[in-house]
Amino acid sequence: MNARTKGRRGFTLLEVLLVIFILGLLATVGIVALSGTREGASIDLTKNVLLKQTVAGALKRYQYDIGYFPKDSEGGLEALWKEPTFEDETLTEKWHGPYLQEEPKDAWKKSLKYETDDEGSYFTITSSGPDKKEGTDDDLSVTSKREEEGQT
């Protein structure tokens, strides 16, 4: 053996560049694969935690105290964090809020849309979803049981 082969212990420039290229390729594939996961997590967080638990739970506590869900005349969803002005003053004593500390926003920092009937017998809460536009296929919505069962 000659001295040149016997003393070789490092990598060639070509080997180092090949390893860097492969690592870059793997990183790119990983980032692309995880970007869809993040969007899915935002959708799950908004629908399951924000709409179904946090806001719907606050609306149900309001209904338990007042006897119906917040009406538009009382500020709608705002009645959960800001004391409403009731037509019947006896309801003011029954309001044990705030039920939320501030206005809830979805994962895309947008306000929620709240709907109810004149009696406050049901509610629907809607997030405009990832595209941030109302009335599109990606909207997220939760409705109280009364409307789901067809009761009014």
Protein backbone atom coordinates (compact mmCIF):
# COMPACT_ATOMS: atom_id res chain seq x y z
CA MET A 1 0.00 0.00 0.00
CA ASN A 2 1.17 3.40 -0.74
CA ALA A 3 1.13 6.31 1.70
CA ARG A 4 -1.67 8.08 -0.11
CA THR A 5 -4.32 5.28 0.35
CA LYS A 6 -3.19 4.29 3.81
CA GLY A 7 -3.57 7.79 5.30
CA ARG A 8 -7.06 8.57 3.82
CA ARG A 9 -9.57 9.09 6.63
CA GLY A 10 -11.96 11.90 5.48
CA PHE A 11 -14.81 12.26 3.00
CA THR A 12 -14.45 13.63 -0.49
CA LEU A 13 -16.18 16.83 -1.50
CA LEU A 14 -18.55 14.82 -3.69
CA GLU A 15 -19.62 12.61 -0.77
CA VAL A 16 -20.29 15.64 1.45
CA LEU A 17 -22.34 17.36 -1.27
CA LEU A 18 -24.35 14.19 -1.87
CA VAL A 19 -25.23 13.91 1.85
CA ILE A 20 -26.25 17.61 1.98
CA PHE A 21 -28.42 17.16 -1.11
CA ILE A 22 -30.18 14.09 0.39
CA LEU A 23 -30.79 15.90 3.72
CA GLY A 24 -32.23 18.90 1.88
CA LEU A 25 -34.51 16.65 -0.13
CA LEU A 26 -35.77 14.90 3.02
CA ALA A 27 -36.36 18.25 4.75
CA THR A 28 -38.38 19.52 1.79
CA VAL A 29 -40.55 16.40 1.73
CA GLY A 30 -41.07 16.65 5.49
CA ILE A 31 -42.11 20.31 5.37
CA VAL A 32 -44.58 19.68 2.55
CA ALA A 33 -46.06 16.69 4.39
CA LEU A 34 -46.43 18.58 7.68
CA SER A 35 -48.02 21.70 6.17
CA GLY A 36 -51.29 19.79 5.64
CA THR A 37 -51.11 18.48 9.20
CA ARG A 38 -50.94 22.01 10.61
CA GLU A 39 -54.04 23.08 8.68
CA GLY A 40 -55.88 19.99 9.91
CA ALA A 41 -54.87 20.79 13.48
CA SER A 42 -56.21 24.35 13.13
CA ILE A 43 -59.53 23.01 11.83
CA ASP A 44 -59.79 20.47 14.67
CA LEU A 45 -58.86 23.10 17.28
CA THR A 46 -61.46 25.55 16.01
CA LYS A 47 -64.31 23.05 15.68
CA ASN A 48 -63.74 20.77 18.67
CA VAL A 49 -62.25 23.10 21.27
CA LEU A 50 -63.43 26.59 20.39
CA LEU A 51 -66.89 25.99 18.90
CA LYS A 52 -68.06 22.78 20.59
CA GLN A 53 -66.55 23.24 24.04
CA THR A 54 -65.65 26.84 24.81
CA VAL A 55 -68.32 28.91 23.05
CA ALA A 56 -71.13 26.31 23.08
CA GLY A 57 -70.41 25.65 26.77
CA ALA A 58 -70.62 29.37 27.57
CA LEU A 59 -73.87 29.63 25.61
CA LYS A 60 -75.36 26.72 27.54
CA ARG A 61 -74.36 28.30 30.88
CA TYR A 62 -76.00 31.55 29.72
CA GLN A 63 -79.13 29.63 28.75
CA TYR A 64 -79.17 27.89 32.13
CA ASP A 65 -79.03 31.26 33.94
CA ILE A 66 -81.30 33.33 31.69
CA GLY A 67 -83.61 30.67 30.22
CA TYR A 68 -82.69 31.12 26.55
CA PHE A 69 -79.68 31.70 24.33
CA PRO A 70 -78.56 35.33 23.81
CA LYS A 71 -80.77 37.20 21.37
CA ASP A 72 -79.60 39.76 18.81
CA SER A 73 -81.39 42.47 20.80
CA GLU A 74 -79.12 41.64 23.77
CA GLY A 75 -75.94 41.78 21.73
CA GLY A 76 -75.89 38.20 20.47
CA LEU A 77 -72.61 36.47 21.20
CA GLU A 78 -71.29 39.64 22.88
CA ALA A 79 -73.66 38.91 25.81
CA LEU A 80 -71.20 36.21 26.88
CA TRP A 81 -68.42 38.67 27.82
CA LYS A 82 -70.31 41.95 28.17
CA GLU A 83 -73.39 42.35 30.38
CA PRO A 84 -76.39 42.85 28.08
CA THR A 85 -79.27 45.25 28.53
CA PHE A 86 -82.37 43.13 29.03
CA GLU A 87 -85.92 44.20 28.23
CA ASP A 88 -86.98 42.40 31.43
CA GLU A 89 -84.91 43.89 34.28
CA THR A 90 -85.31 40.77 36.43
CA LEU A 91 -82.99 38.98 34.01
CA THR A 92 -80.16 41.35 34.93
CA GLU A 93 -79.93 39.64 38.33
CA LYS A 94 -79.84 36.22 36.68
CA TRP A 95 -76.87 37.07 34.43
CA HIS A 96 -73.80 35.56 36.12
CA GLY A 97 -71.25 36.47 33.50
CA PRO A 98 -68.95 37.08 32.00
CA TYR A 99 -69.15 33.59 30.56
CA LEU A 100 -66.11 34.29 28.36
CA GLN A 101 -63.29 36.74 29.09
CA GLU A 102 -63.18 38.23 25.59
CA GLU A 103 -64.49 37.81 22.08
CA PRO A 104 -63.56 34.34 20.80
CA LYS A 105 -61.59 34.18 17.53
CA ASP A 106 -61.01 31.12 15.37
CA ALA A 107 -57.56 29.73 14.53
CA TRP A 108 -57.33 32.24 11.66
CA LYS A 109 -58.00 35.22 14.00
CA LYS A 110 -61.48 35.85 12.59
CA SER A 111 -64.64 36.60 14.60
CA LEU A 112 -67.34 33.96 14.79
CA LYS A 113 -70.81 34.33 13.32
CA TYR A 114 -73.69 33.70 15.75
CA GLU A 115 -77.32 33.09 14.85
CA THR A 116 -80.44 32.38 16.89
CA ASP A 117 -84.19 32.82 16.53
CA ASP A 118 -86.27 35.56 18.22
CA GLU A 119 -86.96 33.31 21.21
CA GLY A 120 -83.35 32.23 21.71
CA SER A 121 -84.33 28.55 21.52
CA TYR A 122 -81.34 27.41 19.45
CA PHE A 123 -77.99 28.69 18.26
CA THR A 124 -75.59 28.23 15.38
CA ILE A 125 -71.96 29.32 15.64
CA THR A 126 -69.92 29.48 12.44
CA SER A 127 -66.24 30.02 11.66
CA SER A 128 -65.37 31.09 8.12
CA GLY A 129 -62.64 28.42 8.10
CA PRO A 130 -59.18 28.39 6.52
CA ASP A 131 -60.11 30.50 3.50
CA LYS A 132 -61.54 33.21 5.82
CA LYS A 133 -64.61 33.65 3.58
CA GLU A 134 -68.17 33.07 4.80
CA GLY A 135 -70.47 30.74 2.92
CA THR A 136 -67.81 28.46 1.42
CA ASP A 137 -67.30 24.70 1.71
CA ASP A 138 -64.62 24.95 4.40
CA ASP A 139 -66.82 26.80 6.93
CA LEU A 140 -67.00 25.17 10.38
CA SER A 141 -70.32 25.20 12.20
CA VAL A 142 -71.88 23.96 15.44
CA THR A 143 -75.62 23.99 16.12
CA SER A 144 -77.46 23.41 19.38
CA LYS A 145 -79.43 20.16 19.76
CA ARG A 146 -82.84 21.77 19.48
CA GLU A 147 -82.30 22.80 15.85
CA GLU A 148 -80.53 19.53 14.96
CA GLU A 149 -83.56 17.59 16.17
CA GLY A 150 -85.93 19.87 14.29
CA GLN A 151 -87.39 21.41 17.45
CA THR A 152 -88.08 25.12 17.60
